[in-house]
Protein backbone atom coordinates (compact mmCIF):
# COMPACT_ATOMS: atom_id res chain seq x y z
CA MET A 1 -0.21 -42.25 42.72
CA PHE A 2 0.87 -38.66 42.01
CA MET A 3 4.37 -39.30 43.37
CA PHE A 4 4.72 -42.40 41.21
CA ILE A 5 3.81 -40.40 38.09
CA LEU A 6 6.22 -37.66 39.18
CA ARG A 7 9.04 -40.20 39.67
CA VAL A 8 8.38 -41.76 36.25
CA ALA A 9 8.53 -38.31 34.62
CA GLN A 10 11.77 -37.56 36.49
CA ALA A 11 13.26 -40.85 35.31
CA LEU A 12 12.26 -40.28 31.68
CA LEU A 13 13.69 -36.77 31.68
CA ALA A 14 16.91 -37.97 33.32
CA LEU A 15 17.19 -40.62 30.63
CA GLY A 16 16.68 -37.93 27.97
CA VAL A 17 19.39 -35.79 29.58
CA LEU A 18 21.71 -38.82 29.72
CA VAL A 19 21.21 -39.62 26.04
CA THR A 20 21.61 -36.05 24.81
CA THR A 21 24.65 -35.25 26.94
CA ALA A 22 26.29 -38.57 26.05
CA PHE A 23 25.79 -37.70 22.38
CA ILE A 24 27.25 -34.22 22.93
CA ALA A 25 30.24 -35.67 24.81
CA SER A 26 30.85 -38.20 22.05
CA GLN A 27 30.87 -35.41 19.44
CA TYR A 28 33.60 -33.63 21.36
CA ASP A 29 35.61 -36.83 21.63
CA MET A 30 35.50 -37.32 17.85
CA GLY A 31 38.03 -34.62 17.17
CA PHE A 32 37.93 -31.77 19.66
CA GLY A 33 39.96 -33.40 22.40
CA GLY A 34 37.34 -33.88 25.13
CA SER A 35 34.00 -32.53 26.21
CA PRO A 36 33.63 -29.42 28.38
CA SER A 37 33.14 -29.75 32.11
CA GLN A 38 29.52 -28.52 31.83
CA VAL A 39 28.61 -31.45 29.60
CA ASN A 40 30.47 -33.89 31.85
CA PHE A 41 28.71 -32.52 34.92
CA LEU A 42 25.27 -32.84 33.34
CA LEU A 43 26.16 -36.39 32.34
CA PHE A 44 27.07 -37.05 35.97
CA ALA A 45 23.81 -35.45 37.17
CA SER A 46 21.70 -37.71 34.97
CA VAL A 47 23.58 -40.82 36.13
CA TRP A 48 23.24 -39.67 39.77
CA THR A 49 19.49 -39.25 39.25
CA LEU A 50 18.94 -42.61 37.54
CA VAL A 51 21.29 -44.75 39.63
CA LEU A 52 21.13 -43.24 43.13
CA ALA A 53 18.43 -40.63 43.73
CA LEU A 54 15.37 -42.10 42.02
CA PRO A 55 15.85 -45.68 43.25
CA TYR A 56 16.27 -44.39 46.82
CA LEU A 57 13.32 -41.98 46.59
CA THR A 58 11.07 -44.56 44.93
CA PHE A 59 11.85 -47.79 46.75
CA SER A 60 13.09 -46.85 50.23
CA TYR A 61 9.56 -46.45 51.60
CA ARG A 62 8.42 -49.91 50.66
CA TYR A 63 11.56 -52.04 50.87
CA PHE A 64 13.84 -50.14 53.28
CA PRO A 65 11.58 -48.14 55.62
CA ASP A 66 14.41 -47.55 58.10
CA ALA A 67 16.41 -45.81 55.33
CA ALA A 68 13.44 -43.62 54.37
CA HIS A 69 14.17 -40.98 57.02
CA LYS A 70 12.64 -37.56 56.35
CA PHE A 71 16.06 -35.88 56.37
CA GLY A 72 17.41 -38.48 53.94
CA ILE A 73 14.49 -37.92 51.59
CA PHE A 74 14.96 -34.15 51.79
CA ALA A 75 18.72 -34.45 51.22
CA ALA A 76 18.27 -36.69 48.16
CA GLU A 77 15.65 -34.34 46.72
CA PHE A 78 17.70 -31.21 47.39
CA VAL A 79 21.06 -32.52 46.17
CA THR A 80 19.48 -33.82 42.98
CA MET A 81 17.66 -30.51 42.44
CA VAL A 82 20.98 -28.66 42.78
CA PHE A 83 22.84 -31.08 40.47
CA VAL A 84 20.31 -30.89 37.62
CA CYS A 85 21.33 -27.70 35.78
CA SER A 86 22.80 -26.16 32.58
CA ALA A 87 24.67 -27.44 29.49
CA ALA A 88 23.77 -27.86 25.82
CA GLN A 89 20.42 -26.78 24.38
CA ALA A 90 18.29 -29.94 24.33
CA ALA A 91 19.82 -31.29 27.53
CA THR A 92 19.33 -27.94 29.24
CA THR A 93 15.64 -27.91 28.40
CA LEU A 94 15.16 -31.44 29.72
CA ALA A 95 17.28 -30.68 32.78
CA ALA A 96 15.22 -27.55 33.52
CA ILE A 97 11.99 -29.50 33.40
CA GLU A 98 13.53 -32.20 35.55
CA TRP A 99 14.70 -29.51 37.99
CA VAL A 100 11.13 -28.19 38.25
CA LEU A 101 9.86 -31.70 39.00
CA PHE A 102 12.46 -32.17 41.75
CA MET A 103 11.69 -28.71 43.10
CA LEU A 104 8.01 -29.71 43.25
CA SER A 105 8.76 -32.95 45.08
CA THR A 106 11.18 -31.12 47.43
CA VAL A 107 8.50 -28.58 48.31
CA MET A 108 6.00 -31.39 48.82
CA SER A 109 8.39 -33.17 51.19
CA ILE A 110 8.87 -29.94 53.18
CA ILE A 111 5.12 -29.29 53.38
CA LEU A 112 4.36 -32.84 54.45
CA TRP A 113 7.29 -32.78 56.88
CA LYS A 114 5.97 -29.63 58.55
CA THR A 115 2.36 -30.85 58.68
CA ARG A 116 3.24 -34.25 60.10
CA ARG A 117 3.06 -34.23 63.88
CA SER A 118 5.34 -37.21 64.43
CA ASN A 119 8.97 -36.70 65.46
CA ASP A 120 10.03 -40.30 64.85
CA GLY A 121 11.91 -39.46 61.63
CA ARG A 122 9.64 -41.43 59.33
CA PRO A 123 8.60 -39.56 56.17
CA ALA A 124 4.96 -38.87 55.42
CA PRO A 125 3.27 -41.77 53.61
CA GLU A 126 2.08 -39.32 50.93
CA MET A 127 5.67 -39.12 49.62
CA GLU A 128 5.79 -42.82 48.79
CA ALA A 129 5.79 -43.58 45.07
CA ARG A 130 3.27 -46.41 45.18
CA THR A 131 2.66 -48.67 42.24
CA VAL A 132 -0.93 -49.66 41.75
């Protein structure tokens, strides 16, 4: 249940980052000739999170267990944690909180990976974002 709540928080924050950075980018396009690369990158990071990372991290356990390999889970967590960084003020605050949440879930996946005795590549069931 904790992972589900964590994933919902990550999704809401990514949506907030998407909305704020899209607004910032649109303000640049209204007369300044294009938004800076930092804004564009944060826009990309929020789309990455909402379209690729969170669906994989949330649904791979239940619907695609073969794709829920512990290295795949770690890679998705880590890449998303690295992507979610800097830009404008409101988006930066949301991105920082989102980064902390992904750092928490990355650390949890490492801890559970190390404590799990199996070498079959399956992730620990504790990392599944179960819906009740």
